[in-house]
C-alpha atoms as a PDB file:
ATOM      1  CA  LEU A   1      99.128 233.908  23.075  1.00  0.00           C
ATOM      2  CA  ALA A   2     101.321 230.925  22.397  1.00  0.00           C
ATOM      3  CA  ASN A   3      98.085 228.365  23.199  1.00  0.00           C
ATOM      4  CA  LEU A   4      96.217 229.967  20.889  1.00  0.00           C
ATOM      5  CA  TYR A   5      98.303 229.843  18.062  1.00  0.00           C
ATOM      6  CA  SER A   6      98.764 225.969  18.891  1.00  0.00           C
ATOM      7  CA  PRO A   7      95.557 224.488  18.200  1.00  0.00           C
ATOM      8  CA  TRP A   8      95.070 227.165  14.624  1.00  0.00           C
ATOM      9  CA  ALA A   9      99.067 226.045  13.252  1.00  0.00           C
ATOM     10  CA  SER A  10      97.616 223.141  11.663  1.00  0.00           C
ATOM     11  CA  ARG A  11      94.835 225.194   9.528  1.00  0.00           C
ATOM     12  CA  LEU A  12      97.737 227.688   8.344  1.00  0.00           C
ATOM     13  CA  GLU A  13      98.671 225.327   4.898  1.00  0.00           C
ATOM     14  CA  ASP A  14      94.739 226.380   4.682  1.00  0.00           C
ATOM     15  CA  GLY A  15      95.179 229.273   4.913  1.00  0.00           C
ATOM     16  CA  PHE A  16      93.481 229.871   7.770  1.00  0.00           C
ATOM     17  CA  SER A  17      95.208 232.408   9.919  1.00  0.00           C
ATOM     18  CA  CYS A  18      94.587 233.060  13.299  1.00  0.00           C
ATOM     19  CA  ARG A  19      96.325 236.271  13.440  1.00  0.00           C
ATOM     20  CA  ARG A  20      92.904 238.059  14.145  1.00  0.00           C
ATOM     21  CA  PHE A  21      92.816 235.934  17.237  1.00  0.00           C
ATOM     22  CA  SER A  22      96.495 236.592  18.289  1.00  0.00           C
ATOM     23  CA  GLN A  23      96.042 240.355  18.034  1.00  0.00           C
ATOM     24  CA  ARG A  24      92.896 240.791  20.059  1.00  0.00           C
ATOM     25  CA  GLN A  25      94.526 238.577  22.601  1.00  0.00           C
ATOM     26  CA  LEU A  26      97.211 240.814  22.725  1.00  0.00           C
ATOM     27  CA  GLY A  27      95.174 243.737  23.356  1.00  0.00           C
ATOM     28  CA  PHE A  28      93.951 242.313  26.173  1.00  0.00           C
ATOM     29  CA  VAL A  29      97.216 241.304  27.567  1.00  0.00           C
ATOM     30  CA  GLY A  30      97.959 244.998  26.838  1.00  0.00           C
ATOM     31  CA  ILE A  31      94.229 246.134  29.182  1.00  0.00           C
ATOM     32  CA  GLY A  32      94.624 243.637  31.505  1.00  0.00           C
ATOM     33  CA  PRO A  33      97.479 245.124  33.522  1.00  0.00           C
ATOM     34  CA  LEU A  34      95.920 248.681  33.557  1.00  0.00           C
ATOM     35  CA  CYS A  35      92.765 247.402  34.852  1.00  0.00           C
ATOM     36  CA  MET A  36      94.222 245.530  37.012  1.00  0.00           C
ATOM     37  CA  VAL A  37      95.928 248.843  38.610  1.00  0.00           C
ATOM     38  CA  PHE A  38      92.749 250.404  38.560  1.00  0.00           C
ATOM     39  CA  ALA A  39      91.579 247.658  40.478  1.00  0.00           C
ATOM     40  CA  ALA A  40      93.773 248.152  43.162  1.00  0.00           C
ATOM     41  CA  SER A  41      93.776 251.567  43.233  1.00  0.00           C
ATOM     42  CA  PHE A  42      90.055 252.378  43.733  1.00  0.00           C
ATOM     43  CA  ASP A  43      88.743 252.191  46.807  1.00  0.00           C
ATOM     44  CA  TYR A  44      85.954 249.978  47.477  1.00  0.00           C
ATOM     45  CA  ARG A  45      83.744 252.165  49.378  1.00  0.00           C
ATOM     46  CA  ARG A  46      82.781 254.053  46.994  1.00  0.00           C
ATOM     47  CA  LEU A  47      80.299 251.148  44.991  1.00  0.00           C
ATOM     48  CA  GLU A  48      78.529 252.259  48.334  1.00  0.00           C
ATOM     49  CA  THR A  49      77.348 255.217  46.854  1.00  0.00           C
ATOM     50  CA  LEU A  50      77.611 253.758  43.296  1.00  0.00           C
ATOM     51  CA  ALA A  51      75.489 251.343  43.797  1.00  0.00           C
ATOM     52  CA  LEU A  52      71.906 252.397  42.875  1.00  0.00           C
ATOM     53  CA  PRO A  53      73.321 254.182  39.612  1.00  0.00           C
ATOM     54  CA  LEU A  54      74.912 251.306  38.401  1.00  0.00           C
ATOM     55  CA  PHE A  55      72.480 248.835  39.024  1.00  0.00           C
ATOM     56  CA  ILE A  56      69.644 251.251  37.238  1.00  0.00           C
ATOM     57  CA  LEU A  57      72.111 251.445  34.159  1.00  0.00           C
ATOM     58  CA  SER A  58      72.208 247.574  34.265  1.00  0.00           C
ATOM     59  CA  ILE A  59      68.852 247.804  33.606  1.00  0.00           C
ATOM     60  CA  VAL A  60      68.496 250.003  30.703  1.00  0.00           C
ATOM     61  CA  LEU A  61      71.410 248.204  28.994  1.00  0.00           C
ATOM     62  CA  LEU A  62      69.004 245.191  29.540  1.00  0.00           C
ATOM     63  CA  LEU A  63      66.761 247.355  28.309  1.00  0.00           C
ATOM     64  CA  LEU A  64      68.486 247.755  25.131  1.00  0.00           C
ATOM     65  CA  VAL A  65      68.987 244.206  24.293  1.00  0.00           C
ATOM     66  CA  PRO A  66      66.115 243.330  22.463  1.00  0.00           C
ATOM     67  CA  ILE A  67      66.431 246.810  20.487  1.00  0.00           C
ATOM     68  CA  ILE A  68      69.747 246.831  19.190  1.00  0.00           C
ATOM     69  CA  GLY A  69      71.295 243.950  20.477  1.00  0.00           C
ATOM     70  CA  LYS A  70      73.661 241.616  18.064  1.00  0.00           C
ATOM     71  CA  GLU A  71      72.479 237.748  17.366  1.00  0.00           C
ATOM     72  CA  VAL A  72      74.261 235.028  17.969  1.00  0.00           C
ATOM     73  CA  GLY A  73      73.379 231.709  17.532  1.00  0.00           C
ATOM     74  CA  GLY A  74      69.195 232.497  18.169  1.00  0.00           C
ATOM     75  CA  ALA A  75      69.873 234.580  21.459  1.00  0.00           C
ATOM     76  CA  LYS A  76      70.431 238.746  21.293  1.00  0.00           C
ATOM     77  CA  ARG A  77      73.152 238.830  24.180  1.00  0.00           C
ATOM     78  CA  TRP A  78      75.446 241.492  22.670  1.00  0.00           C
ATOM     79  CA  ILE A  79      75.661 244.890  22.319  1.00  0.00           C
ATOM     80  CA  PRO A  80      77.765 245.927  19.378  1.00  0.00           C
ATOM     81  CA  LEU A  81      79.979 248.633  20.083  1.00  0.00           C
ATOM     82  CA  GLY A  82      82.308 249.280  17.524  1.00  0.00           C
ATOM     83  CA  ILE A  83      85.381 247.035  17.968  1.00  0.00           C
ATOM     84  CA  ILE A  84      84.280 245.317  21.145  1.00  0.00           C
ATOM     85  CA  ASN A  85      80.723 243.988  21.865  1.00  0.00           C
ATOM     86  CA  LEU A  86      79.351 243.706  25.563  1.00  0.00           C
ATOM     87  CA  GLN A  87      77.176 241.968  27.326  1.00  0.00           C
ATOM     88  CA  PRO A  88      74.672 243.652  29.599  1.00  0.00           C
ATOM     89  CA  SER A  89      74.121 240.295  31.621  1.00  0.00           C
ATOM     90  CA  GLU A  90      78.401 239.978  32.230  1.00  0.00           C
ATOM     91  CA  VAL A  91      77.033 244.121  34.236  1.00  0.00           C
ATOM     92  CA  ALA A  92      74.708 242.481  35.479  1.00  0.00           C
ATOM     93  CA  LYS A  93      76.065 240.269  37.387  1.00  0.00           C
ATOM     94  CA  ILE A  94      78.724 242.691  39.281  1.00  0.00           C
ATOM     95  CA  THR A  95      76.142 245.711  39.780  1.00  0.00           C
ATOM     96  CA  VAL A  96      73.515 242.725  41.527  1.00  0.00           C
ATOM     97  CA  MET A  97      76.728 241.891  43.793  1.00  0.00           C
ATOM     98  CA  ILE A  98      77.010 245.622  44.460  1.00  0.00           C
ATOM     99  CA  MET A  99      73.573 246.694  45.148  1.00  0.00           C
ATOM    100  CA  GLY A 100      73.426 243.517  47.227  1.00  0.00           C
ATOM    101  CA  ALA A 101      76.128 244.769  49.312  1.00  0.00           C
ATOM    102  CA  LYS A 102      74.916 247.843  49.821  1.00  0.00           C
ATOM    103  CA  MET A 103      70.910 246.416  50.989  1.00  0.00           C
ATOM    104  CA  LEU A 104      72.038 243.204  52.842  1.00  0.00           C
ATOM    105  CA  ALA A 105      75.117 245.658  54.598  1.00  0.00           C
ATOM    106  CA  LYS A 106      72.231 247.837  56.585  1.00  0.00           C
ATOM    107  CA  GLY A 107      70.380 245.562  58.532  1.00  0.00           C
ATOM    108  CA  LYS A 108      72.315 243.529  61.272  1.00  0.00           C
ATOM    109  CA  GLY A 109      71.493 239.827  62.553  1.00  0.00           C
ATOM    110  CA  ALA A 110      69.082 237.038  60.523  1.00  0.00           C
ATOM    111  CA  MET A 111      67.210 238.461  57.622  1.00  0.00           C
ATOM    112  CA  GLY A 112      62.959 238.620  58.434  1.00  0.00           C
ATOM    113  CA  TRP A 113      60.290 237.874  55.215  1.00  0.00           C
ATOM    114  CA  LEU A 114      60.191 241.761  54.272  1.00  0.00           C
ATOM    115  CA  GLU A 115      64.609 242.400  53.795  1.00  0.00           C
ATOM    116  CA  PHE A 116      64.265 239.261  52.079  1.00  0.00           C
ATOM    117  CA  PHE A 117      61.888 239.678  49.153  1.00  0.00           C
ATOM    118  CA  LYS A 118      63.317 243.072  49.148  1.00  0.00           C
ATOM    119  CA  VAL A 119      66.734 241.849  48.383  1.00  0.00           C
ATOM    120  CA  LEU A 120      65.608 238.567  46.487  1.00  0.00           C
ATOM    121  CA  GLY A 121      63.216 241.547  44.764  1.00  0.00           C
ATOM    122  CA  MET A 122      66.246 243.551  43.334  1.00  0.00           C
ATOM    123  CA  GLY A 123      68.064 240.272  41.892  1.00  0.00           C
ATOM    124  CA  MET A 124      64.681 238.760  40.346  1.00  0.00           C
ATOM    125  CA  ILE A 125      64.373 242.137  38.066  1.00  0.00           C
ATOM    126  CA  PRO A 126      68.346 241.441  35.944  1.00  0.00           C
ATOM    127  CA  CYS A 127      67.523 237.483  36.213  1.00  0.00           C
ATOM    128  CA  LEU A 128      64.216 238.378  33.707  1.00  0.00           C
ATOM    129  CA  PHE A 129      65.468 240.369  31.536  1.00  0.00           C
ATOM    130  CA  VAL A 130      68.675 237.917  31.053  1.00  0.00           C
ATOM    131  CA  PHE A 131      66.091 235.261  30.838  1.00  0.00           C
ATOM    132  CA  LEU A 132      63.926 236.560  28.019  1.00  0.00           C
ATOM    133  CA  GLN A 133      67.411 236.734  26.155  1.00  0.00           C
ATOM    134  CA  PRO A 134      66.865 233.456  26.626  1.00  0.00           C
ATOM    135  CA  ASP A 135      70.299 233.243  28.633  1.00  0.00           C
ATOM    136  CA  LEU A 136      68.971 230.084  32.144  1.00  0.00           C
ATOM    137  CA  GLY A 137      72.692 229.926  33.047  1.00  0.00           C
ATOM    138  CA  THR A 138      73.473 233.209  33.436  1.00  0.00           C
ATOM    139  CA  SER A 139      69.731 234.376  35.657  1.00  0.00           C
ATOM    140  CA  ILE A 140      70.905 231.065  37.480  1.00  0.00           C
ATOM    141  CA  ILE A 141      73.816 232.044  38.390  1.00  0.00           C
ATOM    142  CA  ILE A 142      72.680 235.749  39.326  1.00  0.00           C
ATOM    143  CA  ILE A 143      70.525 234.538  42.038  1.00  0.00           C
ATOM    144  CA  ALA A 144      72.821 231.993  42.927  1.00  0.00           C
ATOM    145  CA  ILE A 145      75.130 234.360  43.773  1.00  0.00           C
ATOM    146  CA  LEU A 146      72.777 236.439  45.077  1.00  0.00           C
ATOM    147  CA  GLY A 147      71.383 233.567  47.392  1.00  0.00           C
ATOM    148  CA  GLY A 148      75.444 232.812  48.809  1.00  0.00           C
ATOM    149  CA  MET A 149      75.303 236.572  49.911  1.00  0.00           C
ATOM    150  CA  ILE A 150      71.791 236.373  51.805  1.00  0.00           C
ATOM    151  CA  LEU A 151      73.103 233.132  52.968  1.00  0.00           C
ATOM    152  CA  PHE A 152      76.381 234.312  54.572  1.00  0.00           C
ATOM    153  CA  ARG A 153      74.073 237.412  55.999  1.00  0.00           C
ATOM    154  CA  GLY A 154      71.826 234.703  57.477  1.00  0.00           C
ATOM    155  CA  VAL A 155      68.380 234.074  57.385  1.00  0.00           C
ATOM    156  CA  LYS A 156      65.437 233.232  59.331  1.00  0.00           C
ATOM    157  CA  ALA A 157      64.523 229.180  59.656  1.00  0.00           C
ATOM    158  CA  PRO A 158      61.321 229.474  58.307  1.00  0.00           C
ATOM    159  CA  ILE A 159      62.799 231.420  55.261  1.00  0.00           C
ATOM    160  CA  VAL A 160      65.457 228.733  54.669  1.00  0.00           C
ATOM    161  CA  LYS A 161      63.308 225.931  55.156  1.00  0.00           C
ATOM    162  CA  LEU A 162      60.364 227.489  52.170  1.00  0.00           C
ATOM    163  CA  GLY A 163      63.778 228.282  49.879  1.00  0.00           C
ATOM    164  CA  LEU A 164      64.628 224.187  50.237  1.00  0.00           C
ATOM    165  CA  LEU A 165      61.374 222.873  49.289  1.00  0.00           C
ATOM    166  CA  LEU A 166      61.191 225.368  46.254  1.00  0.00           C
ATOM    167  CA  LEU A 167      64.500 224.601  45.105  1.00  0.00           C
ATOM    168  CA  LEU A 168      63.423 220.620  45.693  1.00  0.00           C
ATOM    169  CA  LEU A 169      59.880 221.741  43.860  1.00  0.00           C
ATOM    170  CA  SER A 170      61.168 224.214  41.141  1.00  0.00           C
ATOM    171  CA  PRO A 171      62.255 221.065  38.374  1.00  0.00           C
ATOM    172  CA  LEU A 172      58.569 220.257  38.047  1.00  0.00           C
ATOM    173  CA  PHE A 173      56.833 224.249  37.641  1.00  0.00           C
ATOM    174  CA  ILE A 174      60.000 224.491  35.528  1.00  0.00           C
ATOM    175  CA  TRP A 175      59.945 221.683  33.144  1.00  0.00           C
ATOM    176  CA  LYS A 176      55.913 220.657  32.984  1.00  0.00           C
ATOM    177  CA  GLY A 177      54.231 223.277  34.968  1.00  0.00           C
ATOM    178  CA  VAL A 178      54.573 227.249  34.738  1.00  0.00           C
ATOM    179  CA  TYR A 179      56.929 227.621  32.262  1.00  0.00           C
ATOM    180  CA  PRO A 180      57.220 224.907  30.211  1.00  0.00           C
ATOM    181  CA  ASN A 181      58.320 225.868  26.929  1.00  0.00           C
ATOM    182  CA  LEU A 182      62.352 225.304  27.721  1.00  0.00           C
ATOM    183  CA  LYS A 183      64.085 225.028  24.917  1.00  0.00           C
ATOM    184  CA  PRO A 184      65.004 221.403  23.758  1.00  0.00           C
ATOM    185  CA  TYR A 185      69.280 222.040  24.132  1.00  0.00           C
ATOM    186  CA  GLN A 186      67.902 223.245  28.056  1.00  0.00           C
ATOM    187  CA  GLN A 187      65.921 220.632  28.673  1.00  0.00           C
ATOM    188  CA  GLN A 188      68.838 218.648  27.516  1.00  0.00           C
ATOM    189  CA  ARG A 189      71.132 220.510  30.421  1.00  0.00           C
ATOM    190  CA  ILE A 190      69.120 219.488  33.042  1.00  0.00           C
ATOM    191  CA  LYS A 191      68.923 216.265  31.744  1.00  0.00           C
ATOM    192  CA  SER A 192      72.663 215.741  31.506  1.00  0.00           C
ATOM    193  CA  PHE A 193      73.010 217.765  34.916  1.00  0.00           C
END
């Protein structure tokens, strides 16, 4: 709270008040420990049965964004819920991990092509909706998380080779090929990186 207050303190003499930010943060300080206690007491094995309903819920929320979403900075990413705004792409990150874990836990040994495409296809569904918001960064994060989970489970060598080749060639396709309509700020981020 002190760190939040300090940058704004110099503007108080101009009539700017940071009370709203401090009060909001104080609310999060109160909610945080409650969430921590809930998470610590929740049996994570129940997530296996909740994986599909949570995944479907996240897809529904992503579908609602263009319809009832709040536009900020030229992108619709938030669903207003009164005192708070919900960002469905953040929900999708979690549900893709849960659903991915459920799918990956079923098999044994290195994955073949069919299982690989099933898991990847599941992750691509929310990524497409997030990408259309437009939110390239979050869609890349979702795929990167799922990719890490897939590699941890293990895949056969030809899949790894194809994946590396596509990863190396993807900038060419994204920049000038299949989807050349990257926004200027997205192109600038790639150039900076």
